[in-house]
C-alpha atoms as a PDB file:
ATOM      1  CA  MET A   1       1.762-112.910-149.903  1.00  0.00           C
ATOM      2  CA  ILE A   2      -1.595-111.954-151.393  1.00  0.00           C
ATOM      3  CA  ASN A   3      -2.277-112.972-155.002  1.00  0.00           C
ATOM      4  CA  MET A   4      -3.836-109.753-156.315  1.00  0.00           C
ATOM      5  CA  ASN A   5      -4.091-111.148-159.858  1.00  0.00           C
ATOM      6  CA  ALA A   6      -6.356-113.948-158.672  1.00  0.00           C
ATOM      7  CA  LYS A   7      -8.272-111.870-156.127  1.00  0.00           C
ATOM      8  CA  TYR A   8      -9.183-109.075-158.534  1.00  0.00           C
ATOM      9  CA  ARG A   9      -9.250-110.828-161.885  1.00  0.00           C
ATOM     10  CA  SER A  10     -12.920-109.980-162.457  1.00  0.00           C
ATOM     11  CA  THR A  11     -12.380-106.326-161.471  1.00  0.00           C
ATOM     12  CA  LEU A  12      -9.464-105.920-163.871  1.00  0.00           C
ATOM     13  CA  GLU A  13     -11.323-107.667-166.695  1.00  0.00           C
ATOM     14  CA  ALA A  14     -14.322-105.352-166.230  1.00  0.00           C
ATOM     15  CA  VAL A  15     -12.178-102.201-166.211  1.00  0.00           C
ATOM     16  CA  SER A  16     -10.114-103.339-169.196  1.00  0.00           C
ATOM     17  CA  LYS A  17     -13.263-103.647-171.313  1.00  0.00           C
ATOM     18  CA  LEU A  18     -14.331-100.076-170.512  1.00  0.00           C
ATOM     19  CA  ILE A  19     -11.163 -97.974-170.687  1.00  0.00           C
ATOM     20  CA  PRO A  20     -10.749 -95.493-173.580  1.00  0.00           C
ATOM     21  CA  PHE A  21      -6.932 -95.571-173.303  1.00  0.00           C
ATOM     22  CA  GLU A  22      -4.024 -96.718-171.147  1.00  0.00           C
ATOM     23  CA  PRO A  23      -3.164 -93.927-168.703  1.00  0.00           C
ATOM     24  CA  GLU A  24       0.286 -92.382-168.366  1.00  0.00           C
ATOM     25  CA  ILE A  25      -0.387 -90.865-164.946  1.00  0.00           C
ATOM     26  CA  CYS A  26      -2.676 -91.939-162.113  1.00  0.00           C
ATOM     27  CA  ILE A  27      -3.832 -89.355-159.563  1.00  0.00           C
ATOM     28  CA  VAL A  28      -5.495 -90.480-156.333  1.00  0.00           C
ATOM     29  CA  LEU A  29      -7.541 -87.655-154.806  1.00  0.00           C
ATOM     30  CA  GLY A  30      -7.545 -87.137-151.045  1.00  0.00           C
ATOM     31  CA  SER A  31     -10.212 -85.772-148.695  1.00  0.00           C
ATOM     32  CA  GLY A  32     -11.610 -82.465-149.900  1.00  0.00           C
ATOM     33  CA  LEU A  33      -9.584 -82.563-153.126  1.00  0.00           C
ATOM     34  CA  GLY A  34     -12.113 -84.409-155.279  1.00  0.00           C
ATOM     35  CA  ASP A  35     -13.058 -81.278-157.229  1.00  0.00           C
ATOM     36  CA  PHE A  36      -9.877 -81.646-159.279  1.00  0.00           C
ATOM     37  CA  ALA A  37     -11.653 -84.280-161.359  1.00  0.00           C
ATOM     38  CA  ASP A  38     -13.883 -81.494-162.731  1.00  0.00           C
ATOM     39  CA  LYS A  39     -10.916 -79.342-163.807  1.00  0.00           C
ATOM     40  CA  VAL A  40      -9.667 -81.521-166.653  1.00  0.00           C
ATOM     41  CA  GLU A  41     -11.284 -82.912-169.799  1.00  0.00           C
ATOM     42  CA  THR A  42     -13.003 -86.149-168.873  1.00  0.00           C
ATOM     43  CA  VAL A  43     -13.135 -88.753-171.627  1.00  0.00           C
ATOM     44  CA  LYS A  44     -14.924 -91.453-169.655  1.00  0.00           C
ATOM     45  CA  SER A  45     -16.087 -91.948-166.064  1.00  0.00           C
ATOM     46  CA  ILE A  46     -16.599 -95.398-164.600  1.00  0.00           C
ATOM     47  CA  PRO A  47     -18.640 -95.650-161.363  1.00  0.00           C
ATOM     48  CA  THR A  48     -16.731 -97.980-159.080  1.00  0.00           C
ATOM     49  CA  SER A  49     -20.074 -99.341-157.862  1.00  0.00           C
ATOM     50  CA  SER A  50     -20.431-100.955-161.299  1.00  0.00           C
ATOM     51  CA  LEU A  51     -17.193-102.945-160.912  1.00  0.00           C
ATOM     52  CA  PRO A  52     -17.174-106.405-159.299  1.00  0.00           C
ATOM     53  CA  GLU A  53     -15.261-106.676-156.001  1.00  0.00           C
ATOM     54  CA  TYR A  54     -14.589-102.939-155.882  1.00  0.00           C
ATOM     55  CA  PRO A  55     -15.023-101.636-152.289  1.00  0.00           C
ATOM     56  CA  LYS A  56     -17.374 -98.739-151.620  1.00  0.00           C
ATOM     57  CA  SER A  57     -15.816 -95.585-150.175  1.00  0.00           C
ATOM     58  CA  THR A  58     -17.860 -94.450-147.173  1.00  0.00           C
ATOM     59  CA  VAL A  59     -16.052 -91.189-146.315  1.00  0.00           C
ATOM     60  CA  GLN A  60     -17.485 -87.738-147.031  1.00  0.00           C
ATOM     61  CA  GLY A  61     -15.702 -86.137-149.977  1.00  0.00           C
ATOM     62  CA  HIS A  62     -14.736 -89.451-151.614  1.00  0.00           C
ATOM     63  CA  GLN A  63     -17.026 -90.163-154.565  1.00  0.00           C
ATOM     64  CA  GLY A  64     -16.633 -93.524-156.230  1.00  0.00           C
ATOM     65  CA  PHE A  65     -15.374 -92.970-159.775  1.00  0.00           C
ATOM     66  CA  LEU A  66     -12.482 -93.840-162.042  1.00  0.00           C
ATOM     67  CA  HIS A  67     -12.160 -90.901-164.434  1.00  0.00           C
ATOM     68  CA  PHE A  68     -10.173 -91.263-167.629  1.00  0.00           C
ATOM     69  CA  ALA A  69      -9.183 -87.733-168.576  1.00  0.00           C
ATOM     70  CA  GLU A  70      -6.760 -85.699-170.674  1.00  0.00           C
ATOM     71  CA  TYR A  71      -4.760 -82.584-169.876  1.00  0.00           C
ATOM     72  CA  LYS A  72      -2.076 -81.024-172.084  1.00  0.00           C
ATOM     73  CA  LYS A  73      -2.086 -84.194-174.221  1.00  0.00           C
ATOM     74  CA  LYS A  74      -1.336 -86.359-171.176  1.00  0.00           C
ATOM     75  CA  LYS A  75      -3.610 -89.343-170.536  1.00  0.00           C
ATOM     76  CA  ILE A  76      -4.701 -89.522-166.909  1.00  0.00           C
ATOM     77  CA  LEU A  77      -6.558 -91.892-164.604  1.00  0.00           C
ATOM     78  CA  ILE A  78      -8.139 -90.000-161.701  1.00  0.00           C
ATOM     79  CA  VAL A  79      -9.251 -92.057-158.706  1.00  0.00           C
ATOM     80  CA  GLN A  80     -12.081 -90.159-157.030  1.00  0.00           C
ATOM     81  CA  GLY A  81     -12.969 -92.196-153.974  1.00  0.00           C
ATOM     82  CA  ARG A  82     -10.072 -93.498-151.934  1.00  0.00           C
ATOM     83  CA  ILE A  83     -10.440 -96.755-149.983  1.00  0.00           C
ATOM     84  CA  HIS A  84      -9.234 -96.378-146.396  1.00  0.00           C
ATOM     85  CA  PHE A  85      -7.939 -98.978-143.978  1.00  0.00           C
ATOM     86  CA  TYR A  86      -9.978 -97.388-141.172  1.00  0.00           C
ATOM     87  CA  GLU A  87     -13.217 -98.064-143.036  1.00  0.00           C
ATOM     88  CA  GLY A  88     -12.747-101.722-142.161  1.00  0.00           C
ATOM     89  CA  TYR A  89     -11.195-102.784-145.463  1.00  0.00           C
ATOM     90  CA  SER A  90      -8.159-105.039-145.839  1.00  0.00           C
ATOM     91  CA  ILE A  91      -4.839-103.683-147.070  1.00  0.00           C
ATOM     92  CA  SER A  92      -5.324-105.477-150.401  1.00  0.00           C
ATOM     93  CA  GLN A  93      -8.646-103.688-150.903  1.00  0.00           C
ATOM     94  CA  CYS A  94      -7.045-100.328-150.073  1.00  0.00           C
ATOM     95  CA  VAL A  95      -4.408-100.690-152.801  1.00  0.00           C
ATOM     96  CA  LEU A  96      -6.846-101.926-155.457  1.00  0.00           C
ATOM     97  CA  PRO A  97      -6.771 -98.612-157.432  1.00  0.00           C
ATOM     98  CA  VAL A  98      -2.959 -98.821-157.541  1.00  0.00           C
ATOM     99  CA  PHE A  99      -3.142-102.433-158.708  1.00  0.00           C
ATOM    100  CA  LEU A 100      -5.566-101.527-161.491  1.00  0.00           C
ATOM    101  CA  ALA A 101      -3.445 -98.567-162.606  1.00  0.00           C
ATOM    102  CA  SER A 102      -0.303-100.692-162.773  1.00  0.00           C
ATOM    103  CA  LYS A 103      -2.085-103.411-164.732  1.00  0.00           C
ATOM    104  CA  LEU A 104      -3.242-100.753-167.223  1.00  0.00           C
ATOM    105  CA  ASN A 105       0.461 -99.996-167.826  1.00  0.00           C
ATOM    106  CA  CYS A 106       0.444 -96.716-165.939  1.00  0.00           C
ATOM    107  CA  LYS A 107       4.006 -95.798-164.926  1.00  0.00           C
ATOM    108  CA  ASN A 108       3.499 -92.772-162.660  1.00  0.00           C
ATOM    109  CA  ILE A 109       1.205 -92.221-159.694  1.00  0.00           C
ATOM    110  CA  LEU A 110       0.572 -89.046-157.711  1.00  0.00           C
ATOM    111  CA  LEU A 111      -1.037 -89.689-154.334  1.00  0.00           C
ATOM    112  CA  THR A 112      -2.723 -86.747-152.641  1.00  0.00           C
ATOM    113  CA  ASN A 113      -4.128 -86.498-149.149  1.00  0.00           C
ATOM    114  CA  ALA A 114      -5.334 -84.260-146.358  1.00  0.00           C
ATOM    115  CA  ALA A 115      -2.971 -84.324-143.388  1.00  0.00           C
ATOM    116  CA  GLY A 116      -2.509 -82.840-139.945  1.00  0.00           C
ATOM    117  CA  GLY A 117       0.492 -80.557-139.542  1.00  0.00           C
ATOM    118  CA  VAL A 118       3.014 -81.763-136.963  1.00  0.00           C
ATOM    119  CA  ASN A 119       5.996 -79.606-137.924  1.00  0.00           C
ATOM    120  CA  PRO A 120       5.606 -76.328-135.970  1.00  0.00           C
ATOM    121  CA  ILE A 121       6.352 -74.198-139.045  1.00  0.00           C
ATOM    122  CA  PHE A 122       3.503 -75.793-141.013  1.00  0.00           C
ATOM    123  CA  HIS A 123       0.094 -74.116-141.100  1.00  0.00           C
ATOM    124  CA  PRO A 124      -3.371 -75.132-142.373  1.00  0.00           C
ATOM    125  CA  GLY A 125      -3.500 -74.444-146.091  1.00  0.00           C
ATOM    126  CA  ASP A 126       0.136 -75.416-146.752  1.00  0.00           C
ATOM    127  CA  LEU A 127       0.995 -77.999-149.404  1.00  0.00           C
ATOM    128  CA  MET A 128       3.702 -80.555-148.588  1.00  0.00           C
ATOM    129  CA  LEU A 129       5.689 -82.829-150.865  1.00  0.00           C
ATOM    130  CA  ALA A 130       6.513 -86.080-149.059  1.00  0.00           C
ATOM    131  CA  SER A 131      10.282 -86.538-148.887  1.00  0.00           C
ATOM    132  CA  SER A 132       9.792 -89.865-147.091  1.00  0.00           C
ATOM    133  CA  PHE A 133       7.197 -91.971-145.296  1.00  0.00           C
ATOM    134  CA  ASN A 134       6.889 -93.651-141.926  1.00  0.00           C
ATOM    135  CA  GLY A 135       4.751 -96.758-142.292  1.00  0.00           C
ATOM    136  CA  VAL A 136       5.742 -98.605-139.131  1.00  0.00           C
ATOM    137  CA  ASN A 137       2.058 -98.909-138.134  1.00  0.00           C
ATOM    138  CA  LEU A 138       1.364-100.927-141.284  1.00  0.00           C
ATOM    139  CA  LYS A 139       4.457-103.136-141.497  1.00  0.00           C
ATOM    140  CA  LYS A 140       2.524-106.327-140.721  1.00  0.00           C
ATOM    141  CA  GLU A 141      -0.143-105.611-143.346  1.00  0.00           C
ATOM    142  CA  ILE A 142       2.400-104.547-145.983  1.00  0.00           C
ATOM    143  CA  THR A 143       4.431-107.696-145.349  1.00  0.00           C
ATOM    144  CA  GLU A 144       1.316-109.820-145.871  1.00  0.00           C
ATOM    145  CA  LEU A 145       0.557-107.928-149.068  1.00  0.00           C
ATOM    146  CA  ILE A 146       3.893-108.097-150.899  1.00  0.00           C
ATOM    147  CA  GLY A 147       5.783-110.837-149.065  1.00  0.00           C
ATOM    148  CA  LEU A 148       8.562-110.685-146.520  1.00  0.00           C
ATOM    149  CA  THR A 149      11.200-109.254-148.874  1.00  0.00           C
ATOM    150  CA  GLY A 150       9.030-108.328-151.844  1.00  0.00           C
ATOM    151  CA  LEU A 151       9.877-104.635-152.079  1.00  0.00           C
ATOM    152  CA  ASN A 152      13.577-105.198-151.425  1.00  0.00           C
ATOM    153  CA  GLU A 153      13.745-107.803-154.179  1.00  0.00           C
ATOM    154  CA  ARG A 154      11.892-105.608-156.675  1.00  0.00           C
ATOM    155  CA  ASN A 155      13.259-102.120-156.100  1.00  0.00           C
ATOM    156  CA  GLY A 156      15.411-102.134-152.981  1.00  0.00           C
ATOM    157  CA  PHE A 157      13.777 -98.998-151.559  1.00  0.00           C
ATOM    158  CA  ILE A 158      15.786 -97.047-154.150  1.00  0.00           C
ATOM    159  CA  ASP A 159      14.086 -93.841-155.254  1.00  0.00           C
ATOM    160  CA  PHE A 160      11.146 -94.234-152.900  1.00  0.00           C
ATOM    161  CA  PRO A 161       9.305 -91.866-153.145  1.00  0.00           C
ATOM    162  CA  SER A 162      10.392 -91.029-156.690  1.00  0.00           C
ATOM    163  CA  SER A 163      13.057 -88.311-156.656  1.00  0.00           C
ATOM    164  CA  GLU A 164      12.401 -87.702-160.351  1.00  0.00           C
ATOM    165  CA  MET A 165       8.727 -86.947-159.770  1.00  0.00           C
ATOM    166  CA  GLY A 166       9.611 -84.941-156.672  1.00  0.00           C
ATOM    167  CA  LYS A 167      11.971 -82.671-158.626  1.00  0.00           C
ATOM    168  CA  LYS A 168       9.286 -82.039-161.229  1.00  0.00           C
ATOM    169  CA  ILE A 169       6.705 -81.183-158.544  1.00  0.00           C
ATOM    170  CA  LYS A 170       9.152 -78.723-156.971  1.00  0.00           C
ATOM    171  CA  THR A 171       9.803 -77.189-160.390  1.00  0.00           C
ATOM    172  CA  ALA A 172       6.041 -76.904-160.914  1.00  0.00           C
ATOM    173  CA  ALA A 173       5.691 -75.103-157.574  1.00  0.00           C
ATOM    174  CA  LEU A 174       8.430 -72.623-158.514  1.00  0.00           C
ATOM    175  CA  GLU A 175       6.895 -71.918-161.923  1.00  0.00           C
ATOM    176  CA  GLU A 176       3.446 -71.392-160.379  1.00  0.00           C
ATOM    177  CA  LYS A 177       4.894 -69.368-157.455  1.00  0.00           C
ATOM    178  CA  ILE A 178       3.321 -71.719-154.909  1.00  0.00           C
ATOM    179  CA  GLU A 179       5.068 -72.242-151.593  1.00  0.00           C
ATOM    180  CA  LEU A 180       5.679 -75.959-151.235  1.00  0.00           C
ATOM    181  CA  ARG A 181       6.740 -77.508-147.957  1.00  0.00           C
ATOM    182  CA  GLU A 182       8.665 -80.776-147.835  1.00  0.00           C
ATOM    183  CA  GLY A 183       8.644 -83.367-145.086  1.00  0.00           C
ATOM    184  CA  VAL A 184       7.959 -86.850-143.743  1.00  0.00           C
ATOM    185  CA  TYR A 185       4.392 -88.179-143.902  1.00  0.00           C
ATOM    186  CA  TRP A 186       3.521 -90.471-140.972  1.00  0.00           C
ATOM    187  CA  ILE A 187       0.577 -92.839-141.258  1.00  0.00           C
ATOM    188  CA  THR A 188      -1.741 -93.954-138.468  1.00  0.00           C
ATOM    189  CA  LYS A 189      -4.478 -96.520-139.014  1.00  0.00           C
ATOM    190  CA  GLY A 190      -7.385 -94.512-137.587  1.00  0.00           C
ATOM    191  CA  PRO A 191     -10.323 -94.304-137.458  1.00  0.00           C
ATOM    192  CA  SER A 192      -9.914 -91.877-134.562  1.00  0.00           C
ATOM    193  CA  TYR A 193      -7.615 -88.891-134.769  1.00  0.00           C
ATOM    194  CA  GLU A 194      -4.300 -89.102-132.952  1.00  0.00           C
ATOM    195  CA  THR A 195      -3.958 -88.098-129.294  1.00  0.00           C
ATOM    196  CA  PRO A 196      -1.673 -85.203-128.248  1.00  0.00           C
ATOM    197  CA  ALA A 197       0.742 -87.765-126.760  1.00  0.00           C
ATOM    198  CA  GLU A 198       0.886 -89.654-130.072  1.00  0.00           C
ATOM    199  CA  ILE A 199       1.576 -86.415-131.937  1.00  0.00           C
ATOM    200  CA  ARG A 200       4.446 -85.597-129.573  1.00  0.00           C
ATOM    201  CA  MET A 201       5.900 -89.026-130.390  1.00  0.00           C
ATOM    202  CA  VAL A 202       5.470 -88.456-134.147  1.00  0.00           C
ATOM    203  CA  ARG A 203       7.262 -85.101-133.902  1.00  0.00           C
ATOM    204  CA  ARG A 204      10.070 -86.556-131.778  1.00  0.00           C
ATOM    205  CA  TYR A 205      10.714 -89.270-134.342  1.00  0.00           C
ATOM    206  CA  GLY A 206      10.824 -86.962-137.345  1.00  0.00           C
ATOM    207  CA  GLY A 207       7.240 -86.807-138.642  1.00  0.00           C
ATOM    208  CA  ASP A 208       6.156 -83.526-140.263  1.00  0.00           C
ATOM    209  CA  ALA A 209       2.570 -84.443-141.152  1.00  0.00           C
ATOM    210  CA  VAL A 210       0.220 -87.226-140.130  1.00  0.00           C
ATOM    211  CA  GLY A 211      -2.642 -88.936-141.944  1.00  0.00           C
ATOM    212  CA  MET A 212      -4.426 -92.216-142.612  1.00  0.00           C
ATOM    213  CA  SER A 213      -3.617 -93.068-146.232  1.00  0.00           C
ATOM    214  CA  THR A 214      -0.961 -92.918-148.974  1.00  0.00           C
ATOM    215  CA  VAL A 215       1.916 -94.888-147.412  1.00  0.00           C
ATOM    216  CA  HIS A 216       0.706 -98.394-148.269  1.00  0.00           C
ATOM    217  CA  GLU A 217      -0.386 -97.181-151.719  1.00  0.00           C
ATOM    218  CA  SER A 218       3.097 -95.792-152.346  1.00  0.00           C
ATOM    219  CA  TYR A 219       4.796 -98.965-151.077  1.00  0.00           C
ATOM    220  CA  TYR A 220       2.651-101.087-153.367  1.00  0.00           C
ATOM    221  CA  ALA A 221       3.117 -98.779-156.362  1.00  0.00           C
ATOM    222  CA  SER A 222       6.884 -99.040-155.920  1.00  0.00           C
ATOM    223  CA  TYR A 223       6.600-102.809-155.629  1.00  0.00           C
ATOM    224  CA  MET A 224       4.683-102.830-158.924  1.00  0.00           C
ATOM    225  CA  GLY A 225       7.432-100.828-160.618  1.00  0.00           C
ATOM    226  CA  MET A 226       5.643 -97.481-160.700  1.00  0.00           C
ATOM    227  CA  LYS A 227       7.133 -94.100-159.835  1.00  0.00           C
ATOM    228  CA  ALA A 228       5.215 -92.637-156.900  1.00  0.00           C
ATOM    229  CA  ALA A 229       5.036 -89.184-155.329  1.00  0.00           C
ATOM    230  CA  SER A 230       2.756 -87.621-152.738  1.00  0.00           C
ATOM    231  CA  ILE A 231       1.369 -84.147-152.049  1.00  0.00           C
ATOM    232  CA  SER A 232      -0.345 -83.430-148.731  1.00  0.00           C
ATOM    233  CA  CYS A 233      -2.743 -80.594-148.058  1.00  0.00           C
ATOM    234  CA  ILE A 234      -2.130 -79.559-144.447  1.00  0.00           C
ATOM    235  CA  THR A 235      -5.727 -79.058-143.381  1.00  0.00           C
ATOM    236  CA  ASN A 236      -5.337 -78.670-139.613  1.00  0.00           C
ATOM    237  CA  TYR A 237      -2.901 -78.566-136.743  1.00  0.00           C
ATOM    238  CA  ALA A 238      -2.426 -82.057-135.328  1.00  0.00           C
ATOM    239  CA  ALA A 239      -3.879 -82.914-131.904  1.00  0.00           C
ATOM    240  CA  GLY A 240      -2.459 -80.895-129.037  1.00  0.00           C
ATOM    241  CA  LEU A 241      -0.997 -78.174-131.272  1.00  0.00           C
ATOM    242  CA  SER A 242      -4.058 -75.909-131.143  1.00  0.00           C
ATOM    243  CA  ASP A 243      -7.129 -75.382-128.993  1.00  0.00           C
ATOM    244  CA  GLN A 244      -9.492 -76.332-131.822  1.00  0.00           C
ATOM    245  CA  LYS A 245     -11.149 -79.745-131.738  1.00  0.00           C
ATOM    246  CA  LEU A 246     -10.220 -81.965-134.684  1.00  0.00           C
ATOM    247  CA  SER A 247     -13.010 -82.720-137.153  1.00  0.00           C
ATOM    248  CA  HIS A 248     -13.523 -83.920-140.708  1.00  0.00           C
ATOM    249  CA  ALA A 249     -15.483 -80.703-141.336  1.00  0.00           C
ATOM    250  CA  GLU A 250     -12.314 -78.688-140.671  1.00  0.00           C
ATOM    251  CA  VAL A 251     -10.413 -80.909-143.108  1.00  0.00           C
ATOM    252  CA  MET A 252     -12.993 -80.272-145.837  1.00  0.00           C
ATOM    253  CA  GLU A 253     -13.170 -76.535-145.118  1.00  0.00           C
ATOM    254  CA  THR A 254      -9.406 -75.992-145.379  1.00  0.00           C
ATOM    255  CA  ALA A 255      -9.135 -78.153-148.494  1.00  0.00           C
ATOM    256  CA  GLU A 256     -11.805 -75.964-150.101  1.00  0.00           C
ATOM    257  CA  LYS A 257      -9.723 -72.835-149.397  1.00  0.00           C
ATOM    258  CA  VAL A 258      -6.514 -74.250-150.848  1.00  0.00           C
ATOM    259  CA  LYS A 259      -7.971 -76.100-153.835  1.00  0.00           C
ATOM    260  CA  MET A 260      -6.987 -73.419-156.381  1.00  0.00           C
ATOM    261  CA  ASN A 261      -3.298 -73.694-155.466  1.00  0.00           C
ATOM    262  CA  PHE A 262      -3.618 -77.464-155.371  1.00  0.00           C
ATOM    263  CA  GLU A 263      -5.182 -77.487-158.841  1.00  0.00           C
ATOM    264  CA  ARG A 264      -2.469 -75.239-160.269  1.00  0.00           C
ATOM    265  CA  LEU A 265       0.309 -77.315-158.738  1.00  0.00           C
ATOM    266  CA  VAL A 266      -1.079 -80.638-159.938  1.00  0.00           C
ATOM    267  CA  LYS A 267      -1.813 -79.356-163.441  1.00  0.00           C
ATOM    268  CA  LYS A 268       1.688 -77.947-163.854  1.00  0.00           C
ATOM    269  CA  SER A 269       3.167 -81.175-162.451  1.00  0.00           C
ATOM    270  CA  ILE A 270       1.195 -83.196-165.008  1.00  0.00           C
ATOM    271  CA  GLU A 271       2.747 -81.096-167.788  1.00  0.00           C
ATOM    272  CA  LEU A 272       6.228 -81.898-166.497  1.00  0.00           C
ATOM    273  CA  PHE A 273       5.781 -85.620-165.752  1.00  0.00           C
END
């Protein structure tokens, strides 16, 4: 089991000295969704490069900032610059933003991501609420992070992801008249995209969307006693489901097209959390 308190003591101390308030909600922005940070009132922005032991995000569309912001009287921490396992970082480095949020007494976390659509009724531009996760590819790393029975002892996999947050997100979608899909998010480690054969396996075993983030962050948030929910932007058809070659450029392009609906959905969800 990794001692996060010892490993990131200096990081937490540095952040704690700079924060303008303790956040109620943490939002982690996925690929192509970073513009959301500009759509709320920012109180203070902390460059993650100024924090000791904070890993640098190397992926296009992931700026390195912790934004403390307010919207509809809710206090928010926005993580702009996700840390990915496929960048060569350890699992403990990838969940550092979740660790910091929990230590700042944040109780709710909304994880967003760009994902490939596996379910045949999903199309690029759809938004999907994760009803469940498949993290089998990260079981070893998650076990090392929280201990052999850590999550069972803390929360017993009850309400994981948070059904309460999920209901509020679905209500937000109805009020904003946004079509919201629901399905299972399946994680792969990357860095390469999945092969057509791997996607056929994911579909056969119940996966609706596939990506390279979110699952370990949600596991760890639950372990830390936070309520966690996830919204995926379906940015492309997964490998083998279309003739188009997969690329990060396509991910960014589709996210740009759907960002208005994404912004409306997240803002309304914040009001209801």
